[in-house]
Structure formats: C-alpha cells, structure tokens
Amino acid sequence: MDYIVRELTIEDEPILWTMLMYAAHEDSLKSVQSQPILARYVAGWGRLGDMGAVAFMNENAFAAAWLRLWADDDRGFGCIDPAIPELAIAVLPEYRGNGVGSRLLKQVLELSQGLFPAVSLSVRADNPVVNLYQRVGFVKVEDSETVNRVGDISFNMVYRHIGK
C-alpha cells in the first residue's frame, strides 16, 4: 500500500472531524459535532499541546492519530492527568489491518517524547486495537474500567516515555 504520512497542522481540523467520526463509531459528522463530549477532541484544533500525524493516499486522508491536553476541569475520557496528553486514533475501515495505525501510533509517540512524560487513551474493552496498544508499550490503568457513553465497558491505558 503506497501512502504518505505527515504531521498534522492547524489547517487539518476538517480531516480530524472525519477521523473522530470513525474513532467514536458515529454515523455522521453532524452527530459528532453536536455532542460536546465528543466535539472537544477536535474543536479549536491547534491549541497548546495539540499534535499528531495523518496518512494520505492519492491526496485523501484515510487515517490520523492525534494528542490533546486537557484542563483539570474538562477532561477527555482517557485523561489521567492534565500534564499527559490523550491519544485519539482512527483508520477508515477499508484501510485497517495494513499497519497504518501502528505507524501513526509510533510516530505520535515519537513526536511526544521529550515533551510529555506519558500518553494516555481510553479504549473499549472489546476493541481488538487493545493488542496493538499493548505491543507498543501501553499498559492498562488499574481500576479505570467505566461504562462508556454507549453502555459498553471502556478502560484507560498509558504509555510512559521513561526508559524508552
């Protein structure tokens, strides 16, 4: 599969809205944008701490991984500390299983090294991507299981840069 990867820029907010729709398992952009609990992962892209990478094939974005810091009083689902950014990642369904998600994840972890002590995330317990997160060094945060917004179980994971 022939594709390019580059760092996200402030102009990439529209791409991230589409990627968030897939990451959140929503049916439309309107649905994602109308839910503040989801929209906060992209709205105002380009603020302090925002960073990530996006994959393109034939000038079309098909995958992205991004980090966002949260205020202590406005935390994302996977935020474990305001000093640790939370990861969001999405690969369009027809491109999954080709190593793109792994490449983006590793690139974002490299981008964040030296800037943050760790990276956190929230994942649905039954999502097969948990295996990828574990392979690259994420570990489950103890006692972080929670019923998510759709009634399933999710938990948090953290990747610590120390010693890596």
N, C-alpha and C. Protein backbone atom coordinates (compact mmCIF):
# COMPACT_ATOMS: atom_id res chain seq x y z
N MET A 1 0.85 -1.18 0.00
CA MET A 1 0.00 0.00 0.00
C MET A 1 0.89 1.24 0.00
N ASP A 2 0.67 2.10 -0.94
CA ASP A 2 1.51 3.30 -1.10
C ASP A 2 0.78 4.52 -0.53
N TYR A 3 1.36 5.10 0.52
CA TYR A 3 0.75 6.26 1.15
C TYR A 3 1.83 7.13 1.78
N ILE A 4 1.46 8.36 2.13
CA ILE A 4 2.39 9.25 2.81
C ILE A 4 1.83 9.62 4.18
N VAL A 5 2.73 9.94 5.09
CA VAL A 5 2.36 10.38 6.43
C VAL A 5 3.04 11.71 6.69
N ARG A 6 2.30 12.64 7.28
CA ARG A 6 2.89 13.92 7.67
C ARG A 6 2.28 14.37 8.98
N GLU A 7 2.95 15.32 9.62
CA GLU A 7 2.42 15.87 10.87
C GLU A 7 1.16 16.68 10.59
N LEU A 8 0.27 16.67 11.54
CA LEU A 8 -0.95 17.48 11.45
C LEU A 8 -0.62 18.96 11.59
N THR A 9 -1.41 19.79 10.92
CA THR A 9 -1.29 21.24 11.03
C THR A 9 -2.64 21.79 11.48
N ILE A 10 -2.66 23.06 11.78
CA ILE A 10 -3.91 23.71 12.20
C ILE A 10 -4.98 23.64 11.11
N GLU A 11 -4.54 23.58 9.86
CA GLU A 11 -5.48 23.51 8.74
C GLU A 11 -6.15 22.15 8.61
N ASP A 12 -5.71 21.17 9.37
CA ASP A 12 -6.23 19.80 9.25
C ASP A 12 -7.46 19.53 10.12
N GLU A 13 -8.01 20.54 10.77
CA GLU A 13 -9.18 20.30 11.62
C GLU A 13 -10.30 19.58 10.88
N PRO A 14 -10.63 19.94 9.63
CA PRO A 14 -11.70 19.21 8.93
C PRO A 14 -11.40 17.71 8.79
N ILE A 15 -10.16 17.35 8.58
CA ILE A 15 -9.78 15.94 8.50
C ILE A 15 -10.05 15.26 9.84
N LEU A 16 -9.69 15.94 10.92
CA LEU A 16 -9.86 15.34 12.24
C LEU A 16 -11.33 15.11 12.59
N TRP A 17 -12.21 15.97 12.11
CA TRP A 17 -13.64 15.75 12.36
C TRP A 17 -14.06 14.41 11.75
N THR A 18 -13.62 14.15 10.53
CA THR A 18 -13.96 12.89 9.88
C THR A 18 -13.36 11.71 10.64
N MET A 19 -12.11 11.85 11.04
CA MET A 19 -11.45 10.77 11.77
C MET A 19 -12.14 10.53 13.12
N LEU A 20 -12.56 11.59 13.78
CA LEU A 20 -13.26 11.45 15.06
C LEU A 20 -14.57 10.69 14.87
N MET A 21 -15.24 10.92 13.76
CA MET A 21 -16.49 10.21 13.48
C MET A 21 -16.23 8.70 13.48
N TYR A 22 -15.12 8.29 12.87
CA TYR A 22 -14.80 6.85 12.85
C TYR A 22 -14.30 6.37 14.21
N ALA A 23 -13.50 7.15 14.88
CA ALA A 23 -12.97 6.75 16.19
C ALA A 23 -14.10 6.57 17.20
N ALA A 24 -15.12 7.42 17.09
CA ALA A 24 -16.24 7.38 18.04
C ALA A 24 -17.37 6.45 17.58
N HIS A 25 -17.20 5.81 16.43
CA HIS A 25 -18.22 4.90 15.90
C HIS A 25 -19.55 5.61 15.70
N GLU A 26 -19.49 6.84 15.18
CA GLU A 26 -20.70 7.62 14.91
C GLU A 26 -21.01 7.55 13.41
N ASP A 27 -22.27 7.84 13.06
CA ASP A 27 -22.72 7.70 11.68
C ASP A 27 -22.56 8.95 10.83
N SER A 28 -22.35 10.11 11.47
CA SER A 28 -22.27 11.34 10.68
C SER A 28 -21.40 12.38 11.39
N LEU A 29 -20.90 13.32 10.61
CA LEU A 29 -20.15 14.44 11.18
C LEU A 29 -21.06 15.26 12.09
N LYS A 30 -22.30 15.44 11.67
CA LYS A 30 -23.25 16.22 12.47
C LYS A 30 -23.41 15.61 13.85
N SER A 31 -23.48 14.30 13.92
CA SER A 31 -23.62 13.62 15.20
C SER A 31 -22.43 13.89 16.11
N VAL A 32 -21.22 13.81 15.55
CA VAL A 32 -20.00 14.06 16.33
C VAL A 32 -19.94 15.52 16.78
N GLN A 33 -20.21 16.43 15.85
CA GLN A 33 -20.09 17.85 16.14
C GLN A 33 -21.16 18.36 17.10
N SER A 34 -22.27 17.65 17.18
CA SER A 34 -23.37 18.09 18.06
C SER A 34 -23.26 17.53 19.48
N GLN A 35 -22.31 16.66 19.72
CA GLN A 35 -22.11 16.09 21.05
C GLN A 35 -20.86 16.71 21.68
N PRO A 36 -21.04 17.64 22.59
CA PRO A 36 -19.87 18.31 23.19
C PRO A 36 -18.84 17.35 23.78
N ILE A 37 -19.29 16.24 24.30
CA ILE A 37 -18.38 15.26 24.91
C ILE A 37 -17.44 14.65 23.87
N LEU A 38 -17.85 14.65 22.60
CA LEU A 38 -17.01 14.19 21.50
C LEU A 38 -16.31 15.35 20.79
N ALA A 39 -17.07 16.40 20.53
CA ALA A 39 -16.55 17.53 19.76
C ALA A 39 -15.28 18.12 20.37
N ARG A 40 -15.15 18.05 21.67
CA ARG A 40 -13.98 18.65 22.34
C ARG A 40 -12.67 18.00 21.92
N TYR A 41 -12.71 16.83 21.29
CA TYR A 41 -11.49 16.18 20.84
C TYR A 41 -10.90 16.84 19.59
N VAL A 42 -11.69 17.68 18.92
CA VAL A 42 -11.23 18.33 17.69
C VAL A 42 -11.45 19.84 17.69
N ALA A 43 -12.53 20.31 18.30
CA ALA A 43 -12.89 21.73 18.25
C ALA A 43 -11.71 22.61 18.65
N GLY A 44 -11.45 23.62 17.84
CA GLY A 44 -10.35 24.54 18.13
C GLY A 44 -8.98 23.93 17.94
N TRP A 45 -8.87 22.98 17.03
CA TRP A 45 -7.60 22.29 16.80
C TRP A 45 -6.47 23.31 16.58
N GLY A 46 -5.36 23.02 17.23
CA GLY A 46 -4.19 23.89 17.10
C GLY A 46 -3.83 24.57 18.41
N ARG A 47 -4.53 24.22 19.47
CA ARG A 47 -4.20 24.83 20.76
C ARG A 47 -2.93 24.19 21.32
N LEU A 48 -2.42 24.77 22.38
CA LEU A 48 -1.19 24.30 23.02
C LEU A 48 -1.27 22.81 23.33
N GLY A 49 -0.27 22.06 22.88
CA GLY A 49 -0.22 20.62 23.14
C GLY A 49 -0.82 19.76 22.04
N ASP A 50 -1.60 20.34 21.14
CA ASP A 50 -2.18 19.56 20.04
C ASP A 50 -1.08 19.14 19.08
N MET A 51 -1.04 17.87 18.75
CA MET A 51 -0.08 17.36 17.77
C MET A 51 -0.56 16.02 17.27
N GLY A 52 -0.03 15.62 16.12
CA GLY A 52 -0.41 14.32 15.59
C GLY A 52 0.13 14.11 14.20
N ALA A 53 -0.37 13.05 13.58
CA ALA A 53 0.05 12.68 12.23
C ALA A 53 -1.15 12.19 11.45
N VAL A 54 -1.07 12.35 10.13
CA VAL A 54 -2.17 11.96 9.25
C VAL A 54 -1.59 11.21 8.05
N ALA A 55 -2.32 10.20 7.58
CA ALA A 55 -1.91 9.40 6.44
C ALA A 55 -2.80 9.73 5.24
N PHE A 56 -2.16 9.86 4.08
CA PHE A 56 -2.85 10.18 2.83
C PHE A 56 -2.53 9.14 1.76
N MET A 57 -3.54 8.85 0.95
CA MET A 57 -3.35 8.06 -0.25
C MET A 57 -4.07 8.82 -1.36
N ASN A 58 -3.36 9.10 -2.43
CA ASN A 58 -3.94 9.86 -3.54
C ASN A 58 -4.59 11.15 -3.06
N GLU A 59 -3.91 11.85 -2.16
CA GLU A 59 -4.33 13.14 -1.62
C GLU A 59 -5.57 13.07 -0.73
N ASN A 60 -5.99 11.86 -0.37
CA ASN A 60 -7.15 11.69 0.51
C ASN A 60 -6.69 11.15 1.86
N ALA A 61 -7.06 11.84 2.93
CA ALA A 61 -6.72 11.38 4.28
C ALA A 61 -7.54 10.14 4.60
N PHE A 62 -6.87 9.12 5.13
CA PHE A 62 -7.59 7.90 5.49
C PHE A 62 -7.28 7.40 6.90
N ALA A 63 -6.38 8.10 7.60
CA ALA A 63 -6.06 7.71 8.97
C ALA A 63 -5.38 8.88 9.67
N ALA A 64 -5.57 8.96 10.98
CA ALA A 64 -4.90 10.00 11.76
C ALA A 64 -4.78 9.55 13.21
N ALA A 65 -3.75 10.06 13.86
CA ALA A 65 -3.57 9.87 15.30
C ALA A 65 -3.20 11.23 15.86
N TRP A 66 -3.85 11.62 16.95
CA TRP A 66 -3.58 12.94 17.49
C TRP A 66 -3.63 12.95 19.01
N LEU A 67 -2.95 13.94 19.58
CA LEU A 67 -2.88 14.12 21.02
C LEU A 67 -3.49 15.45 21.41
N ARG A 68 -4.11 15.46 22.58
CA ARG A 68 -4.68 16.70 23.11
C ARG A 68 -4.53 16.71 24.62
N LEU A 69 -4.11 17.86 25.13
CA LEU A 69 -4.06 18.08 26.58
C LEU A 69 -5.41 18.58 27.07
N TRP A 70 -5.72 18.27 28.32
CA TRP A 70 -7.00 18.68 28.90
C TRP A 70 -6.78 19.52 30.14
N ALA A 71 -7.70 20.44 30.36
CA ALA A 71 -7.71 21.21 31.60
C ALA A 71 -8.21 20.29 32.71
N ASP A 72 -7.83 20.59 33.92
CA ASP A 72 -8.22 19.74 35.05
C ASP A 72 -9.74 19.63 35.19
N ASP A 73 -10.47 20.66 34.80
CA ASP A 73 -11.93 20.65 34.93
C ASP A 73 -12.66 20.26 33.64
N ASP A 74 -11.92 19.86 32.60
CA ASP A 74 -12.51 19.47 31.32
C ASP A 74 -11.67 18.35 30.72
N ARG A 75 -11.85 17.16 31.23
CA ARG A 75 -11.01 16.03 30.82
C ARG A 75 -11.71 15.15 29.80
N GLY A 76 -10.91 14.63 28.87
CA GLY A 76 -11.40 13.63 27.94
C GLY A 76 -11.58 12.30 28.65
N PHE A 77 -12.16 11.34 27.95
CA PHE A 77 -12.45 10.03 28.53
C PHE A 77 -11.19 9.34 29.07
N GLY A 78 -10.07 9.49 28.36
CA GLY A 78 -8.85 8.79 28.72
C GLY A 78 -7.83 9.63 29.44
N CYS A 79 -8.21 10.81 29.86
CA CYS A 79 -7.26 11.69 30.55
C CYS A 79 -6.99 11.16 31.96
N ILE A 80 -5.70 10.97 32.25
CA ILE A 80 -5.33 10.52 33.60
C ILE A 80 -4.63 11.61 34.39
N ASP A 81 -4.21 12.68 33.68
CA ASP A 81 -3.50 13.79 34.32
C ASP A 81 -3.46 14.94 33.32
N PRO A 82 -3.69 16.18 33.76
CA PRO A 82 -3.66 17.31 32.83
C PRO A 82 -2.31 17.52 32.13
N ALA A 83 -1.24 16.96 32.67
CA ALA A 83 0.09 17.10 32.07
C ALA A 83 0.38 16.00 31.04
N ILE A 84 -0.55 15.07 30.90
CA ILE A 84 -0.37 13.94 29.99
C ILE A 84 -1.42 14.02 28.89
N PRO A 85 -1.01 14.13 27.62
CA PRO A 85 -2.00 14.22 26.55
C PRO A 85 -2.72 12.90 26.32
N GLU A 86 -3.93 13.02 25.82
CA GLU A 86 -4.72 11.85 25.47
C GLU A 86 -4.65 11.61 23.98
N LEU A 87 -4.52 10.35 23.61
CA LEU A 87 -4.45 9.93 22.21
C LEU A 87 -5.84 9.63 21.67
N ALA A 88 -6.07 10.06 20.44
CA ALA A 88 -7.22 9.61 19.65
C ALA A 88 -6.64 9.10 18.34
N ILE A 89 -7.21 8.05 17.80
CA ILE A 89 -6.69 7.46 16.57
C ILE A 89 -7.83 6.87 15.77
N ALA A 90 -7.75 6.98 14.45
CA ALA A 90 -8.76 6.40 13.58
C ALA A 90 -8.13 6.02 12.25
N VAL A 91 -8.56 4.88 11.74
CA VAL A 91 -8.20 4.43 10.41
C VAL A 91 -9.52 4.06 9.73
N LEU A 92 -9.77 4.61 8.54
CA LEU A 92 -11.00 4.27 7.84
C LEU A 92 -11.08 2.75 7.68
N PRO A 93 -12.28 2.18 7.81
CA PRO A 93 -12.43 0.72 7.86
C PRO A 93 -11.75 -0.04 6.72
N GLU A 94 -11.81 0.48 5.52
CA GLU A 94 -11.25 -0.26 4.37
C GLU A 94 -9.72 -0.28 4.36
N TYR A 95 -9.09 0.48 5.26
CA TYR A 95 -7.63 0.53 5.32
C TYR A 95 -7.07 -0.14 6.57
N ARG A 96 -7.92 -0.69 7.40
CA ARG A 96 -7.45 -1.32 8.63
C ARG A 96 -6.74 -2.63 8.34
N GLY A 97 -5.80 -2.98 9.21
CA GLY A 97 -5.08 -4.24 9.06
C GLY A 97 -3.86 -4.16 8.16
N ASN A 98 -3.47 -2.95 7.76
CA ASN A 98 -2.32 -2.77 6.87
C ASN A 98 -1.13 -2.13 7.57
N GLY A 99 -1.18 -1.98 8.88
CA GLY A 99 -0.06 -1.40 9.62
C GLY A 99 -0.05 0.11 9.70
N VAL A 100 -1.04 0.76 9.11
CA VAL A 100 -1.10 2.22 9.12
C VAL A 100 -1.31 2.75 10.54
N GLY A 101 -2.23 2.15 11.27
CA GLY A 101 -2.49 2.59 12.63
C GLY A 101 -1.24 2.45 13.50
N SER A 102 -0.54 1.36 13.34
CA SER A 102 0.70 1.13 14.09
C SER A 102 1.74 2.19 13.76
N ARG A 103 1.88 2.49 12.48
CA ARG A 103 2.86 3.51 12.07
C ARG A 103 2.51 4.87 12.64
N LEU A 104 1.24 5.26 12.56
CA LEU A 104 0.82 6.55 13.09
C LEU A 104 1.00 6.61 14.60
N LEU A 105 0.63 5.54 15.28
CA LEU A 105 0.78 5.49 16.73
C LEU A 105 2.23 5.68 17.14
N LYS A 106 3.13 4.96 16.49
CA LYS A 106 4.55 5.07 16.82
C LYS A 106 5.07 6.47 16.52
N GLN A 107 4.62 7.07 15.42
CA GLN A 107 5.07 8.41 15.07
C GLN A 107 4.61 9.44 16.11
N VAL A 108 3.37 9.32 16.56
CA VAL A 108 2.86 10.26 17.55
C VAL A 108 3.59 10.09 18.89
N LEU A 109 3.89 8.86 19.25
CA LEU A 109 4.66 8.64 20.48
C LEU A 109 6.05 9.26 20.37
N GLU A 110 6.67 9.15 19.20
CA GLU A 110 7.98 9.78 18.98
C GLU A 110 7.87 11.31 19.05
N LEU A 111 6.82 11.87 18.45
CA LEU A 111 6.61 13.32 18.50
C LEU A 111 6.48 13.83 19.92
N SER A 112 5.84 13.03 20.76
CA SER A 112 5.56 13.46 22.13
C SER A 112 6.71 13.22 23.10
N GLN A 113 7.66 12.38 22.70
CA GLN A 113 8.79 12.08 23.59
C GLN A 113 9.60 13.35 23.83
N GLY A 114 9.95 13.58 25.06
CA GLY A 114 10.68 14.78 25.44
C GLY A 114 9.78 15.96 25.74
N LEU A 115 8.53 15.89 25.33
CA LEU A 115 7.57 16.95 25.60
C LEU A 115 6.64 16.60 26.76
N PHE A 116 6.30 15.32 26.85
CA PHE A 116 5.36 14.85 27.86
C PHE A 116 5.91 13.58 28.50
N PRO A 117 5.58 13.35 29.78
CA PRO A 117 6.09 12.15 30.44
C PRO A 117 5.41 10.87 29.97
N ALA A 118 4.23 11.01 29.39
CA ALA A 118 3.44 9.83 29.02
C ALA A 118 2.34 10.25 28.04
N VAL A 119 1.62 9.25 27.54
CA VAL A 119 0.44 9.45 26.69
C VAL A 119 -0.62 8.48 27.21
N SER A 120 -1.86 8.96 27.31
CA SER A 120 -2.94 8.10 27.78
C SER A 120 -3.99 7.95 26.68
N LEU A 121 -4.90 7.01 26.91
CA LEU A 121 -6.01 6.80 25.98
C LEU A 121 -7.13 6.07 26.69
N SER A 122 -8.29 6.10 26.08
CA SER A 122 -9.43 5.32 26.52
C SER A 122 -9.81 4.40 25.37
N VAL A 123 -10.11 3.15 25.69
CA VAL A 123 -10.45 2.18 24.65
C VAL A 123 -11.57 1.28 25.14
N ARG A 124 -12.43 0.90 24.22
CA ARG A 124 -13.48 -0.05 24.56
C ARG A 124 -12.84 -1.41 24.82
N ALA A 125 -13.28 -2.07 25.86
CA ALA A 125 -12.67 -3.32 26.29
C ALA A 125 -12.66 -4.39 25.21
N ASP A 126 -13.67 -4.38 24.33
CA ASP A 126 -13.77 -5.41 23.30
C ASP A 126 -13.13 -5.00 21.97
N ASN A 127 -12.43 -3.88 21.94
CA ASN A 127 -11.81 -3.40 20.71
C ASN A 127 -10.49 -4.15 20.47
N PRO A 128 -10.34 -4.80 19.31
CA PRO A 128 -9.10 -5.54 19.03
C PRO A 128 -7.84 -4.67 19.03
N VAL A 129 -7.98 -3.37 18.91
CA VAL A 129 -6.81 -2.48 18.89
C VAL A 129 -6.06 -2.49 20.22
N VAL A 130 -6.70 -3.01 21.27
CA VAL A 130 -6.03 -3.14 22.57
C VAL A 130 -4.71 -3.90 22.39
N ASN A 131 -4.71 -4.90 21.53
CA ASN A 131 -3.49 -5.69 21.29
C ASN A 131 -2.36 -4.83 20.72
N LEU A 132 -2.69 -3.94 19.80
CA LEU A 132 -1.69 -3.02 19.24
C LEU A 132 -1.13 -2.12 20.33
N TYR A 133 -2.02 -1.55 21.13
CA TYR A 133 -1.56 -0.67 22.20
C TYR A 133 -0.60 -1.40 23.15
N GLN A 134 -0.92 -2.62 23.48
CA GLN A 134 -0.05 -3.40 24.37
C GLN A 134 1.29 -3.69 23.70
N ARG A 135 1.28 -4.02 22.42
CA ARG A 135 2.53 -4.31 21.70
C ARG A 135 3.50 -3.14 21.70
N VAL A 136 2.98 -1.91 21.61
CA VAL A 136 3.88 -0.75 21.57
C VAL A 136 4.24 -0.25 22.96
N GLY A 137 3.63 -0.82 24.02
CA GLY A 137 4.04 -0.47 25.37
C GLY A 137 3.00 0.17 26.26
N PHE A 138 1.78 0.32 25.79
CA PHE A 138 0.71 0.83 26.66
C PHE A 138 0.34 -0.24 27.68
N VAL A 139 0.02 0.19 28.89
CA VAL A 139 -0.47 -0.73 29.92
C VAL A 139 -1.80 -0.20 30.45
N LYS A 140 -2.62 -1.12 30.87
CA LYS A 140 -3.94 -0.77 31.40
C LYS A 140 -3.78 -0.04 32.73
N VAL A 141 -4.54 1.03 32.90
CA VAL A 141 -4.56 1.77 34.15
C VAL A 141 -5.48 1.02 35.11
N GLU A 142 -4.94 0.63 36.24
CA GLU A 142 -5.69 -0.15 37.22
C GLU A 142 -6.95 0.59 37.68
N ASP A 143 -8.03 -0.14 37.80
CA ASP A 143 -9.32 0.38 38.27
C ASP A 143 -9.89 1.51 37.41
N SER A 144 -9.59 1.49 36.11
CA SER A 144 -10.08 2.55 35.22
C SER A 144 -11.31 2.14 34.41
N GLU A 145 -11.80 0.93 34.60
CA GLU A 145 -12.97 0.48 33.85
C GLU A 145 -14.16 1.37 34.17
N THR A 146 -14.91 1.69 33.13
CA THR A 146 -16.09 2.51 33.30
C THR A 146 -17.10 2.17 32.21
N VAL A 147 -18.36 2.40 32.49
CA VAL A 147 -19.38 2.25 31.47
C VAL A 147 -19.29 3.49 30.58
N ASN A 148 -19.09 3.28 29.30
CA ASN A 148 -18.91 4.41 28.38
C ASN A 148 -20.25 4.97 27.90
N ARG A 149 -20.18 5.95 27.03
CA ARG A 149 -21.38 6.68 26.61
C ARG A 149 -22.39 5.83 25.85
N VAL A 150 -21.97 4.65 25.34
CA VAL A 150 -22.90 3.78 24.63
C VAL A 150 -23.28 2.55 25.44
N GLY A 151 -22.85 2.51 26.71
CA GLY A 151 -23.26 1.42 27.59
C GLY A 151 -22.31 0.25 27.66
N ASP A 152 -21.20 0.30 26.92
CA ASP A 152 -20.20 -0.76 26.97
C ASP A 152 -19.14 -0.41 28.01
N ILE A 153 -18.19 -1.29 28.20
CA ILE A 153 -17.09 -1.05 29.14
C ILE A 153 -15.87 -0.53 28.38
N SER A 154 -15.29 0.53 28.90
CA SER A 154 -14.02 1.07 28.39
C SER A 154 -13.05 1.14 29.56
N PHE A 155 -11.77 1.24 29.23
CA PHE A 155 -10.76 1.44 30.27
C PHE A 155 -9.65 2.32 29.70
N ASN A 156 -8.84 2.84 30.58
CA ASN A 156 -7.73 3.70 30.18
C ASN A 156 -6.45 2.90 30.11
N MET A 157 -5.55 3.38 29.24
CA MET A 157 -4.21 2.80 29.12
C MET A 157 -3.22 3.96 29.12
N VAL A 158 -1.97 3.68 29.48
CA VAL A 158 -0.94 4.71 29.50
C VAL A 158 0.36 4.15 28.94
N TYR A 159 1.05 4.99 28.21
CA TYR A 159 2.38 4.71 27.69
C TYR A 159 3.32 5.69 28.36
N ARG A 160 4.31 5.20 29.06
CA ARG A 160 5.26 6.07 29.76
C ARG A 160 6.56 6.12 28.97
N HIS A 161 7.03 7.35 28.70
CA HIS A 161 8.25 7.54 27.93
C HIS A 161 9.51 7.18 28.70
N ILE A 162 9.44 7.15 30.02
CA ILE A 162 10.61 6.89 30.85
C ILE A 162 11.22 5.54 30.47
N GLY A 163 12.51 5.56 30.18
CA GLY A 163 13.21 4.34 29.85
C GLY A 163 13.00 3.85 28.44
N LYS A 164 12.37 4.66 27.60
CA LYS A 164 12.12 4.23 26.21
C LYS A 164 12.96 5.04 25.25
